[in-house]
């Protein structure tokens, strides 16, 4: 696979993590209580931070010359 294609898959994975973060944040805010609320909230925000770091890496690595 070319480096551009690998960057594309990383960005898709990052978008998937963002989607999981949205779902788990809504789940923790509206459906769960107690310790489960805090655990899912921690997972959601960690998904969002990881996704943001991946996106920063993809954007700042620049264009791919083939």
C-alpha atoms as a PDB file:
ATOM      1  CA  UNK A   1       0.000   0.000   0.000  1.00  0.00           C
ATOM      2  CA  UNK A   2       1.125   3.509  -0.717  1.00  0.00           C
ATOM      3  CA  UNK A   3       1.696   6.002   2.071  1.00  0.00           C
ATOM      4  CA  UNK A   4      -1.306   8.061   0.935  1.00  0.00           C
ATOM      5  CA  UNK A   5      -3.564   5.043   1.261  1.00  0.00           C
ATOM      6  CA  UNK A   6      -2.214   4.274   4.718  1.00  0.00           C
ATOM      7  CA  UNK A   7      -2.907   7.869   5.779  1.00  0.00           C
ATOM      8  CA  UNK A   8      -6.440   7.523   4.430  1.00  0.00           C
ATOM      9  CA  UNK A   9      -7.080   4.419   6.542  1.00  0.00           C
ATOM     10  CA  UNK A  10      -5.673   6.145   9.625  1.00  0.00           C
ATOM     11  CA  UNK A  11      -8.040   9.056   9.068  1.00  0.00           C
ATOM     12  CA  UNK A  12     -10.988   6.664   8.642  1.00  0.00           C
ATOM     13  CA  UNK A  13     -10.019   4.993  11.909  1.00  0.00           C
ATOM     14  CA  UNK A  14      -9.908   8.396  13.549  1.00  0.00           C
ATOM     15  CA  UNK A  15     -13.391   9.203  12.285  1.00  0.00           C
ATOM     16  CA  UNK A  16     -14.594   5.862  13.623  1.00  0.00           C
ATOM     17  CA  UNK A  17     -13.145   6.695  17.040  1.00  0.00           C
ATOM     18  CA  UNK A  18     -14.930  10.049  16.944  1.00  0.00           C
ATOM     19  CA  UNK A  19     -18.212   8.288  16.154  1.00  0.00           C
ATOM     20  CA  UNK A  20     -17.655   5.869  19.057  1.00  0.00           C
ATOM     21  CA  UNK A  21     -16.898   8.831  21.307  1.00  0.00           C
ATOM     22  CA  UNK A  22     -20.176  10.514  20.391  1.00  0.00           C
ATOM     23  CA  UNK A  23     -22.182   7.344  21.010  1.00  0.00           C
ATOM     24  CA  UNK A  24     -20.526   6.616  24.357  1.00  0.00           C
ATOM     25  CA  UNK A  25     -20.833  10.228  25.543  1.00  0.00           C
ATOM     26  CA  UNK A  26     -24.556  10.193  24.813  1.00  0.00           C
ATOM     27  CA  UNK A  27     -24.880   6.800  26.468  1.00  0.00           C
ATOM     28  CA  UNK A  28     -23.069   7.948  29.598  1.00  0.00           C
ATOM     29  CA  UNK A  29     -25.039  11.192  29.882  1.00  0.00           C
ATOM     30  CA  UNK A  30     -28.552   9.928  29.300  1.00  0.00           C
ATOM     31  CA  UNK A  31     -28.715   6.194  30.060  1.00  0.00           C
ATOM     32  CA  UNK A  32     -26.159   5.232  32.692  1.00  0.00           C
ATOM     33  CA  UNK A  33     -25.692   6.064  36.350  1.00  0.00           C
ATOM     34  CA  UNK A  34     -23.011   5.546  38.959  1.00  0.00           C
ATOM     35  CA  UNK A  35     -19.651   4.018  38.161  1.00  0.00           C
ATOM     36  CA  UNK A  36     -20.734   2.918  34.656  1.00  0.00           C
ATOM     37  CA  UNK A  37     -21.368   6.561  33.785  1.00  0.00           C
ATOM     38  CA  UNK A  38     -17.840   7.532  34.799  1.00  0.00           C
ATOM     39  CA  UNK A  39     -16.196   4.570  33.047  1.00  0.00           C
ATOM     40  CA  UNK A  40     -17.983   5.151  29.729  1.00  0.00           C
ATOM     41  CA  UNK A  41     -17.342   8.886  29.978  1.00  0.00           C
ATOM     42  CA  UNK A  42     -13.621   8.250  30.510  1.00  0.00           C
ATOM     43  CA  UNK A  43     -13.561   5.891  27.503  1.00  0.00           C
ATOM     44  CA  UNK A  44     -15.413   8.396  25.350  1.00  0.00           C
ATOM     45  CA  UNK A  45     -13.082  11.259  26.115  1.00  0.00           C
ATOM     46  CA  UNK A  46     -10.026   9.062  25.637  1.00  0.00           C
ATOM     47  CA  UNK A  47     -11.414   7.996  22.215  1.00  0.00           C
ATOM     48  CA  UNK A  48     -11.829  11.673  21.336  1.00  0.00           C
ATOM     49  CA  UNK A  49      -8.292  12.580  22.417  1.00  0.00           C
ATOM     50  CA  UNK A  50      -6.757   9.679  20.474  1.00  0.00           C
ATOM     51  CA  UNK A  51      -8.806  10.554  17.382  1.00  0.00           C
ATOM     52  CA  UNK A  52      -7.707  14.183  17.610  1.00  0.00           C
ATOM     53  CA  UNK A  53      -4.052  13.216  17.891  1.00  0.00           C
ATOM     54  CA  UNK A  54      -4.340  10.942  14.860  1.00  0.00           C
ATOM     55  CA  UNK A  55      -5.993  13.716  12.843  1.00  0.00           C
ATOM     56  CA  UNK A  56      -3.285  16.186  13.848  1.00  0.00           C
ATOM     57  CA  UNK A  57      -0.649  13.675  12.728  1.00  0.00           C
ATOM     58  CA  UNK A  58      -2.368  13.079   9.380  1.00  0.00           C
ATOM     59  CA  UNK A  59      -2.857  16.775   8.642  1.00  0.00           C
ATOM     60  CA  UNK A  60       0.578  17.945   9.745  1.00  0.00           C
ATOM     61  CA  UNK A  61       2.427  15.163   7.927  1.00  0.00           C
ATOM     62  CA  UNK A  62       1.662  17.002   4.687  1.00  0.00           C
ATOM     63  CA  UNK A  63       0.820  15.865   1.208  1.00  0.00           C
ATOM     64  CA  UNK A  64       2.105  12.620  -0.214  1.00  0.00           C
ATOM     65  CA  UNK A  65       4.283  12.706  -3.303  1.00  0.00           C
ATOM     66  CA  UNK A  66       4.064   9.560  -5.373  1.00  0.00           C
END
